[in-house]
Amino acid sequence: MLINKAIETAAKAHDGQYDKGGEPYIYHPLRVMLYANGDENVKCAAVLHDVIEDTKITERELAEIGFGKDILEALRLLTRQPDDDYMDYIQRLKHNPIAKTVKLADLKDNMDMSRIKNPTEMDFKRLEKYKKAKAILEKP
């Protein structure tokens, strides 16, 4: 099953990475995968959504593993470039059903402030940005 390859790839890629709360980073993409409603392509894109942006894995390597064009296109859209304006990036995701579904699941997990032991003003500002992004993606 392709989802098993996706989980294995994400686990290897994120090995040694930790989130803001000090937890192994892989927990985040796994939660996003669980939150994302959809078929196997959606689930694969969800668990892989940070792999290209935050690890050394490339799109080409993911294609060689066997992930298809629908997953790769969603991952390309979900990979934010350093010079991307955040809200422009969010707007681009609206037009790809897989990317949109994954980003909404990602935002749901990122907006869970209980994961951060001592939230700072910066964390609350980020939360507001995520709320705006969620509203954009949910708007028809």
C-alpha atoms as a PDB file:
ATOM      1  CA  MET A   1       0.000   0.000   0.000  1.00  0.00           C
ATOM      2  CA  LEU A   2       1.190   3.466  -0.913  1.00  0.00           C
ATOM      3  CA  ILE A   3       0.213   4.923   2.471  1.00  0.00           C
ATOM      4  CA  ASN A   4       2.702   2.600   4.181  1.00  0.00           C
ATOM      5  CA  LYS A   5       5.463   3.934   1.906  1.00  0.00           C
ATOM      6  CA  ALA A   6       4.378   7.489   2.696  1.00  0.00           C
ATOM      7  CA  ILE A   7       4.488   6.939   6.467  1.00  0.00           C
ATOM      8  CA  GLU A   8       7.859   5.186   6.240  1.00  0.00           C
ATOM      9  CA  THR A   9       9.280   7.950   4.022  1.00  0.00           C
ATOM     10  CA  ALA A  10       8.037  10.711   6.338  1.00  0.00           C
ATOM     11  CA  ALA A  11       9.316   8.919   9.456  1.00  0.00           C
ATOM     12  CA  LYS A  12      12.800   8.524   7.961  1.00  0.00           C
ATOM     13  CA  ALA A  13      12.860  12.066   6.582  1.00  0.00           C
ATOM     14  CA  HIS A  14      11.798  13.689   9.870  1.00  0.00           C
ATOM     15  CA  ASP A  15      13.977  11.463  12.073  1.00  0.00           C
ATOM     16  CA  GLY A  16      15.756  13.604  14.661  1.00  0.00           C
ATOM     17  CA  GLN A  17      13.454  16.615  14.160  1.00  0.00           C
ATOM     18  CA  TYR A  18      11.355  18.029  17.008  1.00  0.00           C
ATOM     19  CA  ASP A  19       8.432  20.456  17.101  1.00  0.00           C
ATOM     20  CA  LYS A  20       8.076  23.661  19.137  1.00  0.00           C
ATOM     21  CA  GLY A  21       6.754  21.627  22.062  1.00  0.00           C
ATOM     22  CA  GLY A  22       9.770  19.299  22.051  1.00  0.00           C
ATOM     23  CA  GLU A  23       7.872  16.302  20.650  1.00  0.00           C
ATOM     24  CA  PRO A  24       9.188  14.206  17.738  1.00  0.00           C
ATOM     25  CA  TYR A  25       8.196  16.107  14.594  1.00  0.00           C
ATOM     26  CA  ILE A  26       6.722  13.020  12.908  1.00  0.00           C
ATOM     27  CA  TYR A  27       3.746  13.262  15.282  1.00  0.00           C
ATOM     28  CA  HIS A  28       2.617  16.401  13.419  1.00  0.00           C
ATOM     29  CA  PRO A  29       2.348  14.878   9.910  1.00  0.00           C
ATOM     30  CA  LEU A  30       0.741  11.773  11.387  1.00  0.00           C
ATOM     31  CA  ARG A  31      -1.931  13.910  13.082  1.00  0.00           C
ATOM     32  CA  VAL A  32      -2.443  15.849   9.842  1.00  0.00           C
ATOM     33  CA  MET A  33      -2.933  12.530   8.041  1.00  0.00           C
ATOM     34  CA  LEU A  34      -5.557  11.508  10.607  1.00  0.00           C
ATOM     35  CA  TYR A  35      -7.372  14.864  10.347  1.00  0.00           C
ATOM     36  CA  ALA A  36      -7.374  14.889   6.520  1.00  0.00           C
ATOM     37  CA  ASN A  37     -10.562  13.406   5.096  1.00  0.00           C
ATOM     38  CA  GLY A  38     -10.037  11.737   1.774  1.00  0.00           C
ATOM     39  CA  ASP A  39      -8.630   8.895  -0.240  1.00  0.00           C
ATOM     40  CA  GLU A  40      -5.154   7.384  -0.146  1.00  0.00           C
ATOM     41  CA  ASN A  41      -3.716  10.259  -2.220  1.00  0.00           C
ATOM     42  CA  VAL A  42      -4.946  12.761   0.385  1.00  0.00           C
ATOM     43  CA  LYS A  43      -3.556  10.669   3.252  1.00  0.00           C
ATOM     44  CA  CYS A  44      -0.180  10.276   1.502  1.00  0.00           C
ATOM     45  CA  ALA A  45       0.071  13.995   0.750  1.00  0.00           C
ATOM     46  CA  ALA A  46      -0.874  14.764   4.356  1.00  0.00           C
ATOM     47  CA  VAL A  47       1.840  12.648   5.943  1.00  0.00           C
ATOM     48  CA  LEU A  48       4.391  13.909   3.394  1.00  0.00           C
ATOM     49  CA  HIS A  49       3.304  17.568   3.432  1.00  0.00           C
ATOM     50  CA  ASP A  50       6.479  18.923   5.111  1.00  0.00           C
ATOM     51  CA  VAL A  51       9.001  16.486   3.631  1.00  0.00           C
ATOM     52  CA  ILE A  52      10.163  18.600   0.665  1.00  0.00           C
ATOM     53  CA  GLU A  53      10.145  21.874   2.624  1.00  0.00           C
ATOM     54  CA  ASP A  54      11.772  20.648   5.852  1.00  0.00           C
ATOM     55  CA  THR A  55      14.046  17.742   4.869  1.00  0.00           C
ATOM     56  CA  LYS A  56      16.555  16.771   2.185  1.00  0.00           C
ATOM     57  CA  ILE A  57      14.037  14.608   0.295  1.00  0.00           C
ATOM     58  CA  THR A  58      13.288  15.916  -3.197  1.00  0.00           C
ATOM     59  CA  GLU A  59      10.227  15.694  -5.386  1.00  0.00           C
ATOM     60  CA  ARG A  60      12.202  13.503  -7.772  1.00  0.00           C
ATOM     61  CA  GLU A  61      13.000  11.034  -4.972  1.00  0.00           C
ATOM     62  CA  LEU A  62       9.325  10.896  -4.027  1.00  0.00           C
ATOM     63  CA  ALA A  63       8.443  10.153  -7.653  1.00  0.00           C
ATOM     64  CA  GLU A  64      11.050   7.373  -7.722  1.00  0.00           C
ATOM     65  CA  ILE A  65       9.491   5.850  -4.585  1.00  0.00           C
ATOM     66  CA  GLY A  66       6.248   5.643  -6.526  1.00  0.00           C
ATOM     67  CA  PHE A  67       4.123   8.624  -5.532  1.00  0.00           C
ATOM     68  CA  GLY A  68       1.960   9.727  -8.457  1.00  0.00           C
ATOM     69  CA  LYS A  69       1.429  13.073 -10.133  1.00  0.00           C
ATOM     70  CA  ASP A  70      -1.629  14.022  -8.029  1.00  0.00           C
ATOM     71  CA  ILE A  71       0.324  13.609  -4.784  1.00  0.00           C
ATOM     72  CA  LEU A  72       3.410  15.332  -6.196  1.00  0.00           C
ATOM     73  CA  GLU A  73       1.377  18.289  -7.502  1.00  0.00           C
ATOM     74  CA  ALA A  74      -0.234  18.734  -4.082  1.00  0.00           C
ATOM     75  CA  LEU A  75       3.173  18.549  -2.378  1.00  0.00           C
ATOM     76  CA  ARG A  76       4.583  21.099  -4.821  1.00  0.00           C
ATOM     77  CA  LEU A  77       1.782  23.495  -3.891  1.00  0.00           C
ATOM     78  CA  LEU A  78       2.113  22.769  -0.158  1.00  0.00           C
ATOM     79  CA  THR A  79       5.863  23.487  -0.222  1.00  0.00           C
ATOM     80  CA  ARG A  80       6.120  27.167   0.630  1.00  0.00           C
ATOM     81  CA  GLN A  81       9.100  28.977  -0.818  1.00  0.00           C
ATOM     82  CA  PRO A  82      11.001  31.430   1.434  1.00  0.00           C
ATOM     83  CA  ASP A  83       9.964  34.462  -0.657  1.00  0.00           C
ATOM     84  CA  ASP A  84       6.275  33.450  -0.826  1.00  0.00           C
ATOM     85  CA  ASP A  85       3.785  35.796   0.776  1.00  0.00           C
ATOM     86  CA  TYR A  86       1.844  33.562   3.174  1.00  0.00           C
ATOM     87  CA  MET A  87      -1.636  34.611   2.055  1.00  0.00           C
ATOM     88  CA  ASP A  88      -0.693  34.334  -1.651  1.00  0.00           C
ATOM     89  CA  TYR A  89       0.556  30.820  -0.867  1.00  0.00           C
ATOM     90  CA  ILE A  90      -2.779  30.008   0.821  1.00  0.00           C
ATOM     91  CA  GLN A  91      -4.721  31.339  -2.194  1.00  0.00           C
ATOM     92  CA  ARG A  92      -2.783  28.993  -4.510  1.00  0.00           C
ATOM     93  CA  LEU A  93      -3.841  25.976  -2.445  1.00  0.00           C
ATOM     94  CA  LYS A  94      -7.557  26.698  -2.910  1.00  0.00           C
ATOM     95  CA  HIS A  95      -7.564  25.361  -6.451  1.00  0.00           C
ATOM     96  CA  ASN A  96      -6.148  21.907  -5.713  1.00  0.00           C
ATOM     97  CA  PRO A  97      -8.539  19.706  -3.704  1.00  0.00           C
ATOM     98  CA  ILE A  98      -5.781  17.539  -2.221  1.00  0.00           C
ATOM     99  CA  ALA A  99      -3.576  20.486  -1.211  1.00  0.00           C
ATOM    100  CA  LYS A 100      -6.562  22.377   0.208  1.00  0.00           C
ATOM    101  CA  THR A 101      -7.707  19.396   2.298  1.00  0.00           C
ATOM    102  CA  VAL A 102      -4.192  18.776   3.603  1.00  0.00           C
ATOM    103  CA  LYS A 103      -3.616  22.443   4.465  1.00  0.00           C
ATOM    104  CA  LEU A 104      -6.891  22.626   6.401  1.00  0.00           C
ATOM    105  CA  ALA A 105      -5.811  19.547   8.378  1.00  0.00           C
ATOM    106  CA  ASP A 106      -2.354  21.099   8.888  1.00  0.00           C
ATOM    107  CA  LEU A 107      -3.930  24.318  10.157  1.00  0.00           C
ATOM    108  CA  LYS A 108      -6.168  22.370  12.542  1.00  0.00           C
ATOM    109  CA  ASP A 109      -3.109  20.766  14.102  1.00  0.00           C
ATOM    110  CA  ASN A 110      -1.061  23.976  14.107  1.00  0.00           C
ATOM    111  CA  MET A 111      -3.904  25.873  15.804  1.00  0.00           C
ATOM    112  CA  ASP A 112      -3.933  23.468  18.761  1.00  0.00           C
ATOM    113  CA  MET A 113      -2.276  25.709  21.342  1.00  0.00           C
ATOM    114  CA  SER A 114      -2.340  22.943  23.958  1.00  0.00           C
ATOM    115  CA  ARG A 115       0.779  21.512  22.266  1.00  0.00           C
ATOM    116  CA  ILE A 116       2.793  24.585  23.297  1.00  0.00           C
ATOM    117  CA  LYS A 117       3.673  24.578  26.988  1.00  0.00           C
ATOM    118  CA  ASN A 118       4.132  28.338  27.434  1.00  0.00           C
ATOM    119  CA  PRO A 119       2.654  30.194  24.444  1.00  0.00           C
ATOM    120  CA  THR A 120       4.225  33.548  23.670  1.00  0.00           C
ATOM    121  CA  GLU A 121       2.816  36.611  21.931  1.00  0.00           C
ATOM    122  CA  MET A 122       4.438  35.295  18.742  1.00  0.00           C
ATOM    123  CA  ASP A 123       2.491  32.031  19.084  1.00  0.00           C
ATOM    124  CA  PHE A 124      -0.781  33.955  19.416  1.00  0.00           C
ATOM    125  CA  LYS A 125       0.082  36.096  16.358  1.00  0.00           C
ATOM    126  CA  ARG A 126       0.754  32.921  14.401  1.00  0.00           C
ATOM    127  CA  LEU A 127      -2.608  31.560  15.577  1.00  0.00           C
ATOM    128  CA  GLU A 128      -4.362  34.651  14.170  1.00  0.00           C
ATOM    129  CA  LYS A 129      -2.561  34.174  10.848  1.00  0.00           C
ATOM    130  CA  TYR A 130      -3.712  30.550  10.776  1.00  0.00           C
ATOM    131  CA  LYS A 131      -7.311  31.578  11.502  1.00  0.00           C
ATOM    132  CA  LYS A 132      -7.228  33.940   8.495  1.00  0.00           C
ATOM    133  CA  ALA A 133      -5.750  31.207   6.305  1.00  0.00           C
ATOM    134  CA  LYS A 134      -8.437  28.751   7.413  1.00  0.00           C
ATOM    135  CA  ALA A 135     -11.168  31.280   6.576  1.00  0.00           C
ATOM    136  CA  ILE A 136      -9.704  31.804   3.084  1.00  0.00           C
ATOM    137  CA  LEU A 137      -9.554  28.070   2.399  1.00  0.00           C
ATOM    138  CA  GLU A 138     -13.065  27.439   3.715  1.00  0.00           C
ATOM    139  CA  LYS A 139     -14.597  30.257   1.653  1.00  0.00           C
ATOM    140  CA  PRO A 140     -16.243  28.916  -1.544  1.00  0.00           C
END
